PDB file of N, CA and C in Angstrom:
ATOM      1  N   MET A   1      58.370 -26.306 -12.432  1.00  0.00           N
ATOM      2  CA  MET A   1      58.413 -25.658 -11.128  1.00  0.00           C
ATOM      3  C   MET A   1      57.001 -25.581 -10.555  1.00  0.00           C
ATOM      4  N   ASP A   2      56.941 -25.701  -9.254  1.00  0.00           N
ATOM      5  CA  ASP A   2      55.624 -25.577  -8.639  1.00  0.00           C
ATOM      6  C   ASP A   2      55.248 -24.096  -8.508  1.00  0.00           C
ATOM      7  N   SER A   3      53.991 -23.847  -8.253  1.00  0.00           N
ATOM      8  CA  SER A   3      53.491 -22.464  -8.236  1.00  0.00           C
ATOM      9  C   SER A   3      54.105 -21.633  -7.117  1.00  0.00           C
ATOM     10  N   THR A   4      54.453 -22.244  -6.006  1.00  0.00           N
ATOM     11  CA  THR A   4      55.082 -21.516  -4.903  1.00  0.00           C
ATOM     12  C   THR A   4      56.469 -21.017  -5.301  1.00  0.00           C
ATOM     13  N   ALA A   5      57.237 -21.867  -5.970  1.00  0.00           N
ATOM     14  CA  ALA A   5      58.576 -21.469  -6.414  1.00  0.00           C
ATOM     15  C   ALA A   5      58.494 -20.366  -7.458  1.00  0.00           C
ATOM     16  N   VAL A   6      57.535 -20.474  -8.366  1.00  0.00           N
ATOM     17  CA  VAL A   6      57.363 -19.448  -9.400  1.00  0.00           C
ATOM     18  C   VAL A   6      56.989 -18.118  -8.753  1.00  0.00           C
ATOM     19  N   ALA A   7      56.072 -18.148  -7.803  1.00  0.00           N
ATOM     20  CA  ALA A   7      55.665 -16.917  -7.110  1.00  0.00           C
ATOM     21  C   ALA A   7      56.847 -16.308  -6.361  1.00  0.00           C
ATOM     22  N   GLY A   8      57.678 -17.139  -5.750  1.00  0.00           N
ATOM     23  CA  GLY A   8      58.857 -16.630  -5.051  1.00  0.00           C
ATOM     24  C   GLY A   8      59.848 -15.967  -5.987  1.00  0.00           C
ATOM     25  N   LEU A   9      60.082 -16.566  -7.137  1.00  0.00           N
ATOM     26  CA  LEU A   9      60.992 -15.966  -8.116  1.00  0.00           C
ATOM     27  C   LEU A   9      60.447 -14.656  -8.663  1.00  0.00           C
ATOM     28  N   GLN A  10      59.156 -14.618  -8.905  1.00  0.00           N
ATOM     29  CA  GLN A  10      58.549 -13.386  -9.406  1.00  0.00           C
ATOM     30  C   GLN A  10      58.643 -12.272  -8.366  1.00  0.00           C
ATOM     31  N   ALA A  11      58.419 -12.608  -7.116  1.00  0.00           N
ATOM     32  CA  ALA A  11      58.532 -11.613  -6.050  1.00  0.00           C
ATOM     33  C   ALA A  11      59.960 -11.113  -5.924  1.00  0.00           C
ATOM     34  N   ARG A  12      60.917 -12.033  -6.060  1.00  0.00           N
ATOM     35  CA  ARG A  12      62.327 -11.635  -5.961  1.00  0.00           C
ATOM     36  C   ARG A  12      62.738 -10.733  -7.121  1.00  0.00           C
ATOM     37  N   ALA A  13      62.167 -10.930  -8.286  1.00  0.00           N
ATOM     38  CA  ALA A  13      62.491 -10.109  -9.457  1.00  0.00           C
ATOM     39  C   ALA A  13      61.821  -8.737  -9.401  1.00  0.00           C
ATOM     40  N   GLU A  14      60.800  -8.585  -8.593  1.00  0.00           N
ATOM     41  CA  GLU A  14      60.050  -7.328  -8.559  1.00  0.00           C
ATOM     42  C   GLU A  14      60.855  -6.166  -7.993  1.00  0.00           C
ATOM     43  N   ARG A  15      61.648  -6.390  -6.974  1.00  0.00           N
ATOM     44  CA  ARG A  15      62.395  -5.285  -6.365  1.00  0.00           C
ATOM     45  C   ARG A  15      63.399  -4.651  -7.328  1.00  0.00           C
ATOM     46  N   PRO A  16      64.259  -5.412  -8.003  1.00  0.00           N
ATOM     47  CA  PRO A  16      65.171  -4.772  -8.959  1.00  0.00           C
ATOM     48  C   PRO A  16      64.410  -4.046 -10.076  1.00  0.00           C
ATOM     49  N   ARG A  17      63.292  -4.612 -10.479  1.00  0.00           N
ATOM     50  CA  ARG A  17      62.484  -3.971 -11.520  1.00  0.00           C
ATOM     51  C   ARG A  17      61.924  -2.649 -11.010  1.00  0.00           C
ATOM     52  N   SER A  18      61.444  -2.641  -9.778  1.00  0.00           N
ATOM     53  CA  SER A  18      60.912  -1.423  -9.167  1.00  0.00           C
ATOM     54  C   SER A  18      62.011  -0.371  -9.001  1.00  0.00           C
ATOM     55  N   ASP A  19      63.185  -0.804  -8.546  1.00  0.00           N
ATOM     56  CA  ASP A  19      64.320   0.123  -8.394  1.00  0.00           C
ATOM     57  C   ASP A  19      64.719   0.718  -9.738  1.00  0.00           C
ATOM     58  N   ALA A  20      64.740  -0.093 -10.785  1.00  0.00           N
ATOM     59  CA  ALA A  20      65.095   0.394 -12.121  1.00  0.00           C
ATOM     60  C   ALA A  20      64.065   1.403 -12.619  1.00  0.00           C
ATOM     61  N   ASP A  21      62.799   1.167 -12.331  1.00  0.00           N
ATOM     62  CA  ASP A  21      61.756   2.111 -12.739  1.00  0.00           C
ATOM     63  C   ASP A  21      61.918   3.453 -12.030  1.00  0.00           C
ATOM     64  N   ARG A  22      62.236   3.418 -10.728  1.00  0.00           N
ATOM     65  CA  ARG A  22      62.450   4.673  -9.982  1.00  0.00           C
ATOM     66  C   ARG A  22      63.656   5.421 -10.527  1.00  0.00           C
ATOM     67  N   TYR A  23      64.732   4.698 -10.786  1.00  0.00           N
ATOM     68  CA  TYR A  23      65.951   5.303 -11.323  1.00  0.00           C
ATOM     69  C   TYR A  23      65.677   5.933 -12.686  1.00  0.00           C
ATOM     70  N   ALA A  24      64.937   5.232 -13.535  1.00  0.00           N
ATOM     71  CA  ALA A  24      64.594   5.759 -14.858  1.00  0.00           C
ATOM     72  C   ALA A  24      63.740   7.008 -14.732  1.00  0.00           C
ATOM     73  N   ALA A  25      62.834   7.052 -13.755  1.00  0.00           N
ATOM     74  CA  ALA A  25      61.999   8.235 -13.554  1.00  0.00           C
ATOM     75  C   ALA A  25      62.847   9.439 -13.147  1.00  0.00           C
ATOM     76  N   VAL A  26      63.828   9.209 -12.295  1.00  0.00           N
ATOM     77  CA  VAL A  26      64.728  10.299 -11.883  1.00  0.00           C
ATOM     78  C   VAL A  26      65.499  10.826 -13.092  1.00  0.00           C
ATOM     79  N   LEU A  27      66.026   9.920 -13.896  1.00  0.00           N
ATOM     80  CA  LEU A  27      66.770  10.347 -15.081  1.00  0.00           C
ATOM     81  C   LEU A  27      65.871  11.089 -16.071  1.00  0.00           C
ATOM     82  N   ASP A  28      64.626  10.649 -16.212  1.00  0.00           N
ATOM     83  CA  ASP A  28      63.675  11.355 -17.079  1.00  0.00           C
ATOM     84  C   ASP A  28      63.425  12.770 -16.570  1.00  0.00           C
ATOM     85  N   ASP A  29      63.264  12.918 -15.241  1.00  0.00           N
ATOM     86  CA  ASP A  29      63.062  14.250 -14.664  1.00  0.00           C
ATOM     87  C   ASP A  29      64.265  15.151 -14.909  1.00  0.00           C
ATOM     88  N   ILE A  30      65.465  14.608 -14.739  1.00  0.00           N
ATOM     89  CA  ILE A  30      66.676  15.395 -14.965  1.00  0.00           C
ATOM     90  C   ILE A  30      66.775  15.791 -16.434  1.00  0.00           C
ATOM     91  N   ALA A  31      66.459  14.864 -17.334  1.00  0.00           N
ATOM     92  CA  ALA A  31      66.515  15.165 -18.762  1.00  0.00           C
ATOM     93  C   ALA A  31      65.497  16.242 -19.130  1.00  0.00           C
ATOM     94  N   ALA A  32      64.324  16.202 -18.518  1.00  0.00           N
ATOM     95  CA  ALA A  32      63.270  17.161 -18.858  1.00  0.00           C
ATOM     96  C   ALA A  32      63.490  18.523 -18.205  1.00  0.00           C
ATOM     97  N   ASP A  33      63.920  18.520 -16.935  1.00  0.00           N
ATOM     98  CA  ASP A  33      63.973  19.760 -16.167  1.00  0.00           C
ATOM     99  C   ASP A  33      65.378  20.215 -15.806  1.00  0.00           C
ATOM    100  N   GLY A  34      66.377  19.385 -16.054  1.00  0.00           N
ATOM    101  CA  GLY A  34      67.734  19.711 -15.641  1.00  0.00           C
ATOM    102  C   GLY A  34      67.933  19.408 -14.166  1.00  0.00           C
ATOM    103  N   LEU A  35      69.122  19.651 -13.692  1.00  0.00           N
ATOM    104  CA  LEU A  35      69.432  19.416 -12.281  1.00  0.00           C
ATOM    105  C   LEU A  35      68.827  20.517 -11.427  1.00  0.00           C
ATOM    106  N   PRO A  36      68.503  20.202 -10.165  1.00  0.00           N
ATOM    107  CA  PRO A  36      67.998  21.250  -9.278  1.00  0.00           C
ATOM    108  C   PRO A  36      69.083  22.296  -9.015  1.00  0.00           C
ATOM    109  N   SER A  37      68.644  23.469  -8.608  1.00  0.00           N
ATOM    110  CA  SER A  37      69.611  24.527  -8.308  1.00  0.00           C
ATOM    111  C   SER A  37      70.467  24.117  -7.119  1.00  0.00           C
ATOM    112  N   VAL A  38      71.603  24.756  -6.983  1.00  0.00           N
ATOM    113  CA  VAL A  38      72.529  24.432  -5.897  1.00  0.00           C
ATOM    114  C   VAL A  38      71.858  24.635  -4.545  1.00  0.00           C
ATOM    115  N   GLU A  39      70.999  25.633  -4.436  1.00  0.00           N
ATOM    116  CA  GLU A  39      70.333  25.909  -3.167  1.00  0.00           C
ATOM    117  C   GLU A  39      69.361  24.800  -2.774  1.00  0.00           C
ATOM    118  N   ASP A  40      68.817  24.075  -3.744  1.00  0.00           N
ATOM    119  CA  ASP A  40      67.840  23.022  -3.469  1.00  0.00           C
ATOM    120  C   ASP A  40      68.478  21.653  -3.267  1.00  0.00           C
ATOM    121  N   ARG A  41      69.770  21.551  -3.439  1.00  0.00           N
ATOM    122  CA  ARG A  41      70.447  20.257  -3.298  1.00  0.00           C
ATOM    123  C   ARG A  41      70.870  20.027  -1.854  1.00  0.00           C
ATOM    124  N   THR A  42      70.994  18.757  -1.485  1.00  0.00           N
ATOM    125  CA  THR A  42      71.512  18.386  -0.169  1.00  0.00           C
ATOM    126  C   THR A  42      72.959  17.940  -0.352  1.00  0.00           C
ATOM    127  N   PRO A  43      73.885  18.561   0.371  1.00  0.00           N
ATOM    128  CA  PRO A  43      75.286  18.132   0.261  1.00  0.00           C
ATOM    129  C   PRO A  43      75.420  16.657   0.640  1.00  0.00           C
ATOM    130  N   TRP A  44      76.280  15.949  -0.074  1.00  0.00           N
ATOM    131  CA  TRP A  44      76.418  14.513   0.151  1.00  0.00           C
ATOM    132  C   TRP A  44      76.868  14.197   1.570  1.00  0.00           C
ATOM    133  N   GLU A  45      77.576  15.121   2.214  1.00  0.00           N
ATOM    134  CA  GLU A  45      78.027  14.892   3.579  1.00  0.00           C
ATOM    135  C   GLU A  45      76.851  14.812   4.561  1.00  0.00           C
ATOM    136  N   GLU A  46      75.727  15.448   4.218  1.00  0.00           N
ATOM    137  CA  GLU A  46      74.565  15.460   5.108  1.00  0.00           C
ATOM    138  C   GLU A  46      73.631  14.269   4.878  1.00  0.00           C
ATOM    139  N   LEU A  47      73.797  13.555   3.784  1.00  0.00           N
ATOM    140  CA  LEU A  47      72.883  12.468   3.456  1.00  0.00           C
ATOM    141  C   LEU A  47      72.871  11.332   4.479  1.00  0.00           C
ATOM    142  N   PRO A  48      74.026  10.859   4.965  1.00  0.00           N
ATOM    143  CA  PRO A  48      73.982   9.766   5.952  1.00  0.00           C
ATOM    144  C   PRO A  48      73.222  10.161   7.221  1.00  0.00           C
ATOM    145  N   GLU A  49      73.434  11.382   7.717  1.00  0.00           N
ATOM    146  CA  GLU A  49      72.742  11.816   8.921  1.00  0.00           C
ATOM    147  C   GLU A  49      71.240  11.915   8.684  1.00  0.00           C
ATOM    148  N   ALA A  50      70.843  12.403   7.515  1.00  0.00           N
ATOM    149  CA  ALA A  50      69.422  12.509   7.190  1.00  0.00           C
ATOM    150  C   ALA A  50      68.782  11.124   7.115  1.00  0.00           C
ATOM    151  N   GLN A  51      69.479  10.171   6.516  1.00  0.00           N
ATOM    152  CA  GLN A  51      68.952   8.816   6.420  1.00  0.00           C
ATOM    153  C   GLN A  51      68.840   8.183   7.805  1.00  0.00           C
ATOM    154  N   LEU A  52      69.841   8.372   8.644  1.00  0.00           N
ATOM    155  CA  LEU A  52      69.773   7.827   9.999  1.00  0.00           C
ATOM    156  C   LEU A  52      68.624   8.440  10.787  1.00  0.00           C
ATOM    157  N   ALA A  53      68.381   9.726  10.600  1.00  0.00           N
ATOM    158  CA  ALA A  53      67.265  10.382  11.284  1.00  0.00           C
ATOM    159  C   ALA A  53      65.931   9.813  10.802  1.00  0.00           C
ATOM    160  N   ARG A  54      65.795   9.555   9.482  1.00  0.00           N
ATOM    161  CA  ARG A  54      64.560   8.949   8.963  1.00  0.00           C
ATOM    162  C   ARG A  54      64.357   7.555   9.540  1.00  0.00           C
ATOM    163  N   LEU A  55      65.434   6.764   9.597  1.00  0.00           N
ATOM    164  CA  LEU A  55      65.327   5.415  10.150  1.00  0.00           C
ATOM    165  C   LEU A  55      64.972   5.438  11.633  1.00  0.00           C
ATOM    166  N   ALA A  56      65.561   6.373  12.381  1.00  0.00           N
ATOM    167  CA  ALA A  56      65.261   6.483  13.803  1.00  0.00           C
ATOM    168  C   ALA A  56      63.810   6.880  14.022  1.00  0.00           C
ATOM    169  N   ALA A  57      63.268   7.724  13.153  1.00  0.00           N
ATOM    170  CA  ALA A  57      61.868   8.120  13.280  1.00  0.00           C
ATOM    171  C   ALA A  57      60.934   6.950  12.973  1.00  0.00           C
ATOM    172  N   GLN A  58      61.339   6.089  12.049  1.00  0.00           N
ATOM    173  CA  GLN A  58      60.511   4.926  11.688  1.00  0.00           C
ATOM    174  C   GLN A  58      60.548   3.843  12.756  1.00  0.00           C
ATOM    175  N   HIS A  59      61.691   3.718  13.430  1.00  0.00           N
ATOM    176  CA  HIS A  59      61.886   2.647  14.414  1.00  0.00           C
ATOM    177  C   HIS A  59      62.406   3.245  15.729  1.00  0.00           C
ATOM    178  N   PRO A  60      61.535   3.903  16.481  1.00  0.00           N
ATOM    179  CA  PRO A  60      62.018   4.499  17.735  1.00  0.00           C
ATOM    180  C   PRO A  60      62.495   3.432  18.708  1.00  0.00           C
ATOM    181  N   ALA A  61      63.467   3.805  19.503  1.00  0.00           N
ATOM    182  CA  ALA A  61      64.036   2.866  20.486  1.00  0.00           C
ATOM    183  C   ALA A  61      63.006   2.554  21.552  1.00  0.00           C
ATOM    184  N   VAL A  62      63.053   1.336  22.026  1.00  0.00           N
ATOM    185  CA  VAL A  62      62.150   0.914  23.085  1.00  0.00           C
ATOM    186  C   VAL A  62      62.775   1.288  24.425  1.00  0.00           C
ATOM    187  N   ALA A  63      62.016   1.979  25.254  1.00  0.00           N
ATOM    188  CA  ALA A  63      62.536   2.419  26.556  1.00  0.00           C
ATOM    189  C   ALA A  63      62.390   1.341  27.595  1.00  0.00           C
TER     190      ALA A  63
END
């Protein structure tokens, strides 16, 4: 394989590896500290709206 193809494959493999590392860190935190209290949790029904608000803040509409 040429170096460009190798670099492309390595870049493509990096995202799943990064996601797995983040997921493992979350599980380590839960194992060490337990789950957050009910008061500190976000209900799952509110998560889509919160994500849409974050995306809208990152990419404001062009007037």
